[in-house]
Amino acid sequence: MDFNAANINSTAAAGTSITRPVSAHKVLTEGSSVPVRVTRGLGGGRYEGFVAGVKVSFSSERALKTGDTFSAIVSGRDGKIILTPQSQTGAILQNIDFQMNEMTSNRLASLLQSAGLSSDILSSSIFQMFTQTGLKLDSQMLARIRSLALRFGGKEKSAAEILVMLAEKGLSADEDEIKELLLQLSGDLSWDDSGKKGQGNHSKQNQKKLINRINGAEGAWYIFPFELVQYEGGMIASENAKSVLGSGNLRLLFDSGKILKLMNLDCRYNGKRYLFSLTYESGRCKNVRFNVSEGDYSKTGNHNQKDIADKLKKMFIAADMNGINISEAEISDIEGNASGLEIFYTFGGVV
């Protein structure tokens, strides 16, 4: 079976969906800070872009360019919404014209239900993956991706991530390729009951084939697997003297201007699984969320997460990376594409 990005075959799927509430939303009022991304110029000082994840058109008193990303403060003036960037650009954005309804949790639940989807964390994550990559919101495509993701029991969100990557880049893949890539991304076999465990070089070839296709096509997401290797006798030693200490992958999300927005690190080392999600604004890291889990990677160990956060802060300070917010997050919010960490915004209050 092919999972065709342009026309994914809808398949009836058995399985139980993940039933957490959809993501929280934040009401924007006078003084709120919002992320802004410029997607294209319309001429005459007019632009299109995303403000707090909502596609809008606006005017600016200073020239902007496609791919500009920054944070801005919300204020009101003469009935207009004004956004003042927190940067050195000096740009003032105004005349915001909304091209879609504000996205409250109720609005999201309604949209998901109209597409025939349950209002749970999986549907919410798929929706957020679409907005992250700039894919057009197509209810049939949303439903098809959810239906296919449910076939990969226990790894639904990671499967949805791969399917959205393929759709965004106009690629296709067969079921075995997706299973093998999921195996590489998850690092364990417990979710796979297909009986195809351990196919040696054939498995690695399937992984590399799909990863190379994803990385070779223009788009937002890229995947880079890695191994932590130790050589006895130095780097010039033979392959037989190599021992693999751990493995994992990096996922990088870029905006339309090829500026890094999000970096996810998933690493398995010394009996633990380390998950990190780093968000970037204007090329600088702003937030780090992490989770460290034990053994089977399904349960958080009894280690002190606060101690880990303190050690991370010291490392960032030593690397001259001050002012970064570091906090622990649930595995389900980081695994996949970290879409569970995003917030939907509502424009409200007196502006």
Protein backbone atom coordinates (compact mmCIF):
# COMPACT_ATOMS: atom_id res chain seq x y z
CA MET A 1 0.00 0.00 0.00
CA ASP A 2 1.27 3.46 -0.85
CA PHE A 3 0.75 6.44 1.41
CA ASN A 4 0.49 9.02 -1.33
CA ALA A 5 1.03 12.56 -0.10
CA ALA A 6 -1.27 14.17 -2.62
CA ASN A 7 -4.04 11.61 -2.30
CA ILE A 8 -3.59 9.44 0.78
CA ASN A 9 -5.88 6.44 0.55
CA SER A 10 -8.45 6.48 3.33
CA THR A 11 -8.27 3.20 5.26
CA ALA A 12 -10.59 1.98 7.97
CA ALA A 13 -8.45 1.63 11.06
CA ALA A 14 -8.91 -0.25 14.24
CA GLY A 15 -7.39 1.17 17.38
CA THR A 16 -8.00 3.39 20.31
CA SER A 17 -7.21 7.07 19.94
CA ILE A 18 -5.36 9.06 22.54
CA THR A 19 -7.91 10.91 24.62
CA ARG A 20 -6.34 13.99 26.12
CA PRO A 21 -8.07 17.37 25.79
CA VAL A 22 -7.10 19.57 22.87
CA SER A 23 -4.43 22.18 23.46
CA ALA A 24 -5.15 25.17 25.64
CA HIS A 25 -5.72 28.58 24.14
CA LYS A 26 -4.46 31.96 25.28
CA VAL A 27 -6.46 35.19 25.11
CA LEU A 28 -4.46 38.09 23.72
CA THR A 29 -4.97 41.42 25.46
CA GLU A 30 -3.15 44.74 25.62
CA GLY A 31 0.52 43.96 26.27
CA SER A 32 0.42 40.32 25.13
CA SER A 33 3.47 39.00 23.28
CA VAL A 34 2.86 37.05 20.05
CA PRO A 35 5.07 35.32 17.45
CA VAL A 36 4.99 36.89 13.96
CA ARG A 37 6.15 35.34 10.68
CA VAL A 38 6.13 37.15 7.30
CA THR A 39 5.30 34.82 4.40
CA ARG A 40 5.09 37.25 1.46
CA GLY A 41 4.85 40.89 0.41
CA LEU A 42 1.70 42.21 -1.28
CA GLY A 43 3.13 45.56 -2.36
CA GLY A 44 2.47 49.05 -1.05
CA GLY A 45 3.64 48.16 2.46
CA ARG A 46 1.17 45.28 2.73
CA TYR A 47 2.15 41.76 3.75
CA GLU A 48 0.80 38.31 4.51
CA GLY A 49 1.98 36.21 7.39
CA PHE A 50 1.10 34.42 10.60
CA VAL A 51 0.40 36.17 13.90
CA ALA A 52 0.12 33.74 16.83
CA GLY A 53 -0.45 30.96 14.29
CA VAL A 54 -3.34 32.82 12.60
CA LYS A 55 -2.93 33.71 8.90
CA VAL A 56 -3.44 37.46 8.48
CA SER A 57 -2.66 40.36 6.16
CA PHE A 58 -1.27 43.59 7.55
CA SER A 59 0.56 46.79 6.74
CA SER A 60 3.92 47.90 8.12
CA GLU A 61 5.52 51.32 8.46
CA ARG A 62 8.89 49.78 7.67
CA ALA A 63 9.89 47.34 4.93
CA LEU A 64 9.81 43.66 5.85
CA LYS A 65 11.01 40.65 3.88
CA THR A 66 9.71 37.15 3.38
CA GLY A 67 10.90 34.85 6.15
CA ASP A 68 11.17 37.54 8.84
CA THR A 69 10.23 36.11 12.24
CA PHE A 70 10.03 37.98 15.54
CA SER A 71 7.98 38.52 18.69
CA ALA A 72 5.68 41.53 18.95
CA ILE A 73 3.62 43.26 21.65
CA VAL A 74 -0.14 43.69 21.06
CA SER A 75 -1.71 47.12 21.60
CA GLY A 76 -4.67 49.09 20.26
CA ARG A 77 -4.90 52.47 18.54
CA ASP A 78 -7.92 54.08 16.84
CA GLY A 79 -9.70 50.76 16.51
CA LYS A 80 -6.68 49.07 14.91
CA ILE A 81 -4.60 46.21 16.25
CA ILE A 82 -0.98 47.35 16.51
CA LEU A 83 1.95 44.94 16.81
CA THR A 84 5.28 46.39 17.93
CA PRO A 85 8.20 43.99 17.31
CA GLN A 86 10.51 43.20 20.23
CA SER A 87 13.60 43.60 18.07
CA GLN A 88 15.81 46.16 16.41
CA THR A 89 13.69 46.43 13.25
CA GLY A 90 11.59 49.33 14.52
CA ALA A 91 8.71 48.08 12.36
CA ILE A 92 5.13 48.84 13.38
CA LEU A 93 2.49 46.42 12.11
CA GLN A 94 -1.15 47.41 11.94
CA ASN A 95 -4.42 47.00 10.02
CA ILE A 96 -4.58 43.30 10.82
CA ASP A 97 -7.16 41.62 8.55
CA PHE A 98 -8.10 38.18 9.83
CA GLN A 99 -8.54 35.58 7.12
CA MET A 100 -9.75 32.83 9.44
CA ASN A 101 -11.71 32.75 12.67
CA GLU A 102 -9.84 33.07 15.93
CA MET A 103 -8.80 29.65 17.18
CA THR A 104 -10.25 28.89 20.59
CA SER A 105 -10.31 25.36 21.96
CA ASN A 106 -14.06 25.25 21.22
CA ARG A 107 -13.44 26.40 17.66
CA LEU A 108 -10.76 23.75 17.22
CA ALA A 109 -13.05 21.04 18.61
CA SER A 110 -15.79 22.16 16.20
CA LEU A 111 -13.40 22.11 13.23
CA LEU A 112 -12.13 18.64 14.11
CA GLN A 113 -15.67 17.30 14.55
CA SER A 114 -16.75 18.78 11.21
CA ALA A 115 -13.92 16.79 9.63
CA GLY A 116 -15.24 13.65 11.33
CA LEU A 117 -12.37 13.56 13.84
CA SER A 118 -12.48 13.04 17.58
CA SER A 119 -11.42 16.10 19.61
CA ASP A 120 -8.42 14.42 21.20
CA ILE A 121 -4.67 14.93 21.37
CA LEU A 122 -3.97 13.02 18.14
CA SER A 123 -6.40 15.10 16.06
CA SER A 124 -5.14 18.28 17.72
CA SER A 125 -1.52 17.32 16.98
CA ILE A 126 -2.26 16.62 13.31
CA PHE A 127 -4.02 19.97 13.02
CA GLN A 128 -1.03 21.73 14.59
CA MET A 129 1.36 19.88 12.27
CA PHE A 130 -0.60 21.32 9.33
CA THR A 131 -0.29 24.86 10.71
CA GLN A 132 3.42 24.38 11.53
CA THR A 133 4.25 23.44 7.95
CA GLY A 134 1.80 25.83 6.28
CA LEU A 135 -0.26 23.02 4.71
CA LYS A 136 -3.75 23.97 3.56
CA LEU A 137 -6.35 22.80 6.07
CA ASP A 138 -8.11 20.04 4.17
CA SER A 139 -10.63 18.11 6.27
CA GLN A 140 -10.38 15.00 4.07
CA MET A 141 -6.59 15.00 4.31
CA LEU A 142 -6.75 15.48 8.09
CA ALA A 143 -9.13 12.53 8.39
CA ARG A 144 -7.03 10.30 6.13
CA ILE A 145 -3.82 10.99 8.01
CA ARG A 146 -5.52 10.30 11.33
CA SER A 147 -7.01 7.05 9.98
CA LEU A 148 -3.61 5.88 8.74
CA ALA A 149 -1.79 6.96 11.91
CA LEU A 150 -4.15 4.84 14.02
CA ARG A 151 -2.79 1.74 12.26
CA PHE A 152 0.50 2.21 14.11
CA GLY A 153 -0.79 1.48 17.61
CA GLY A 154 1.19 3.18 20.37
CA LYS A 155 3.05 5.43 17.92
CA GLU A 156 0.12 7.27 16.36
CA LYS A 157 1.54 10.76 16.82
CA SER A 158 4.96 9.85 15.39
CA ALA A 159 3.28 8.12 12.43
CA ALA A 160 1.17 11.24 11.84
CA GLU A 161 4.35 13.33 11.87
CA ILE A 162 5.84 11.22 9.07
CA LEU A 163 2.59 11.32 7.07
CA VAL A 164 2.39 15.11 7.36
CA MET A 165 6.05 15.40 6.33
CA LEU A 166 5.28 13.35 3.23
CA ALA A 167 2.14 15.36 2.43
CA GLU A 168 3.95 18.68 2.88
CA LYS A 169 6.74 17.59 0.52
CA GLY A 170 4.49 15.86 -2.02
CA LEU A 171 6.07 12.44 -1.42
CA SER A 172 4.72 8.91 -1.06
CA ALA A 173 5.87 5.88 0.93
CA ASP A 174 4.74 2.32 1.47
CA GLU A 175 3.70 0.84 4.79
CA ASP A 176 7.00 -1.02 5.35
CA GLU A 177 9.04 2.15 4.82
CA ILE A 178 6.96 4.04 7.36
CA LYS A 179 7.19 1.18 9.86
CA GLU A 180 10.96 1.03 9.53
CA LEU A 181 11.31 4.79 9.95
CA LEU A 182 9.02 4.69 12.98
CA LEU A 183 11.22 1.96 14.42
CA GLN A 184 14.28 4.14 13.94
CA LEU A 185 12.56 7.18 15.47
CA SER A 186 11.07 5.34 18.44
CA GLY A 187 14.05 3.19 19.35
CA ASP A 188 12.00 0.22 20.56
CA LEU A 189 9.91 -2.61 19.11
CA SER A 190 7.11 -2.79 21.67
CA TRP A 191 4.61 -0.95 19.47
CA ASP A 192 5.10 -3.23 16.41
CA ASP A 193 3.08 -6.47 16.42
CA SER A 194 3.60 -7.19 12.73
CA GLY A 195 6.23 -9.87 13.37
CA LYS A 196 8.73 -8.06 11.14
CA LYS A 197 11.19 -7.39 13.93
CA GLY A 198 14.86 -7.25 13.08
CA GLN A 199 15.26 -7.35 9.29
CA GLY A 200 18.91 -6.29 9.41
CA ASN A 201 20.32 -4.42 6.44
CA HIS A 202 16.99 -4.39 4.62
CA SER A 203 15.46 -2.39 7.51
CA LYS A 204 18.31 0.12 7.48
CA GLN A 205 18.00 0.52 3.72
CA ASN A 206 14.27 1.28 4.05
CA GLN A 207 14.98 3.85 6.77
CA LYS A 208 17.69 5.59 4.75
CA LYS A 209 15.63 5.49 1.57
CA LEU A 210 12.69 7.34 3.12
CA ILE A 211 14.85 9.73 5.18
CA ASN A 212 16.86 10.65 2.07
CA ARG A 213 13.65 11.34 0.14
CA ILE A 214 12.29 13.52 2.95
CA ASN A 215 15.55 15.45 3.32
CA GLY A 216 16.03 15.70 -0.44
CA ALA A 217 12.69 17.43 -1.09
CA GLU A 218 12.05 21.11 -0.43
CA GLY A 219 9.92 21.67 2.66
CA ALA A 220 9.78 22.53 6.33
CA TRP A 221 10.83 19.34 8.14
CA TYR A 222 14.15 17.44 7.97
CA ILE A 223 15.28 14.30 9.85
CA PHE A 224 18.86 13.38 10.75
CA PRO A 225 19.57 10.08 12.56
CA PHE A 226 22.83 9.71 14.49
CA GLU A 227 24.82 7.27 16.63
CA LEU A 228 27.06 7.94 19.63
CA VAL A 229 30.14 5.88 18.79
CA GLN A 230 33.31 5.00 20.68
CA TYR A 231 36.38 3.67 18.87
CA GLU A 232 39.04 1.67 20.66
CA GLY A 233 42.40 2.99 19.52
CA GLY A 234 41.05 6.24 18.07
CA MET A 235 39.14 7.19 14.92
CA ILE A 236 41.55 5.31 12.63
CA ALA A 237 40.65 1.99 14.27
CA SER A 238 38.74 -0.61 12.28
CA GLU A 239 34.96 -0.99 12.30
CA ASN A 240 35.37 -4.05 14.52
CA ALA A 241 36.79 -1.81 17.25
CA LYS A 242 33.68 0.41 17.19
CA SER A 243 31.06 0.26 19.92
CA VAL A 244 27.74 2.11 19.70
CA LEU A 245 26.98 3.83 23.00
CA GLY A 246 23.65 5.31 21.98
CA SER A 247 21.55 6.52 19.07
CA GLY A 248 18.85 8.98 18.21
CA ASN A 249 17.71 11.60 15.73
CA LEU A 250 17.37 15.31 15.16
CA ARG A 251 14.26 16.84 13.59
CA LEU A 252 14.57 20.39 12.29
CA LEU A 253 11.62 22.62 11.36
CA PHE A 254 12.28 25.68 9.18
CA ASP A 255 9.93 28.50 8.23
CA SER A 256 9.32 29.68 4.68
CA GLY A 257 12.42 31.88 4.89
CA LYS A 258 14.58 28.84 5.81
CA ILE A 259 15.06 30.11 9.37
CA LEU A 260 15.12 27.47 12.11
CA LYS A 261 11.92 27.43 14.19
CA LEU A 262 12.11 24.18 16.13
CA MET A 263 14.70 21.51 16.86
CA ASN A 264 13.72 18.19 18.44
CA LEU A 265 16.37 15.85 19.82
CA ASP A 266 15.54 12.23 20.71
CA CYS A 267 18.47 10.26 22.12
CA ARG A 268 18.77 6.85 23.80
CA TYR A 269 21.88 6.49 25.92
CA ASN A 270 22.92 4.43 28.96
CA GLY A 271 19.45 2.94 29.56
CA LYS A 272 17.63 6.27 29.37
CA ARG A 273 15.72 8.16 26.72
CA TYR A 274 16.44 11.90 26.46
CA LEU A 275 13.90 14.10 24.68
CA PHE A 276 14.50 17.79 24.02
CA SER A 277 12.50 20.39 22.11
CA LEU A 278 14.16 23.76 21.42
CA THR A 279 12.13 26.66 20.00
CA TYR A 280 13.84 29.49 18.12
CA GLU A 281 12.94 33.08 17.35
CA SER A 282 15.01 35.14 14.89
CA GLY A 283 17.70 32.47 14.94
CA ARG A 284 18.08 32.41 18.74
CA CYS A 285 17.01 29.63 21.09
CA LYS A 286 14.25 30.86 23.44
CA ASN A 287 12.84 27.76 25.14
CA VAL A 288 14.05 24.26 25.96
CA ARG A 289 11.60 21.56 27.07
CA PHE A 290 12.93 18.16 28.06
CA ASN A 291 12.01 14.75 29.40
CA VAL A 292 14.25 11.96 30.65
CA SER A 293 12.74 8.50 31.02
CA GLU A 294 14.07 5.11 32.09
CA GLY A 295 14.52 1.69 30.51
CA ASP A 296 11.45 0.95 28.41
CA TYR A 297 10.97 4.69 27.84
CA SER A 298 7.35 4.49 28.92
CA LYS A 299 7.75 5.67 32.49
CA THR A 300 9.57 8.56 34.02
CA GLY A 301 12.26 7.41 36.43
CA ASN A 302 12.85 8.59 39.96
CA HIS A 303 15.69 10.88 39.00
CA ASN A 304 15.41 14.54 39.97
CA GLN A 305 14.18 16.50 36.95
CA LYS A 306 14.94 19.79 38.71
CA ASP A 307 18.60 18.78 39.03
CA ILE A 308 18.68 18.00 35.31
CA ALA A 309 17.15 21.39 34.49
CA ASP A 310 19.69 23.15 36.75
CA LYS A 311 22.57 21.32 35.02
CA LEU A 312 21.21 22.30 31.61
CA LYS A 313 20.98 25.96 32.65
CA LYS A 314 24.61 25.91 33.78
CA MET A 315 25.66 24.37 30.48
CA PHE A 316 23.78 27.01 28.49
CA ILE A 317 25.26 29.80 30.62
CA ALA A 318 28.76 28.35 30.07
CA ALA A 319 28.03 28.42 26.32
CA ASP A 320 27.01 32.10 26.58
CA MET A 321 23.34 31.27 25.96
CA ASN A 322 21.65 33.19 28.76
CA GLY A 323 17.95 33.98 29.05
CA ILE A 324 16.67 30.59 27.85
CA ASN A 325 13.60 29.19 29.60
CA ILE A 326 14.17 25.53 30.53
CA SER A 327 11.35 23.30 31.77
CA GLU A 328 10.20 19.68 31.87
CA ALA A 329 7.40 18.48 29.57
CA GLU A 330 5.37 15.30 29.12
CA ILE A 331 6.71 12.68 26.69
CA SER A 332 3.46 12.87 24.74
CA ASP A 333 4.01 16.62 24.21
CA ILE A 334 7.57 16.25 22.90
CA GLU A 335 7.39 12.95 21.00
CA GLY A 336 6.47 13.36 17.38
CA ASN A 337 6.92 16.98 16.40
CA ALA A 338 6.38 18.71 19.77
CA SER A 339 3.03 20.08 18.58
CA GLY A 340 1.58 19.51 22.06
CA LEU A 341 3.74 22.37 23.32
CA GLU A 342 2.02 24.93 21.10
CA ILE A 343 -0.79 27.21 22.22
CA PHE A 344 -3.79 28.36 20.21
CA TYR A 345 -4.47 32.06 20.55
CA THR A 346 -7.71 34.04 20.71
CA PHE A 347 -7.74 37.77 19.99
CA GLY A 348 -9.90 39.36 22.69
CA GLY A 349 -9.91 41.99 25.39
CA VAL A 350 -9.74 45.74 24.72
CA VAL A 351 -7.58 46.27 21.65
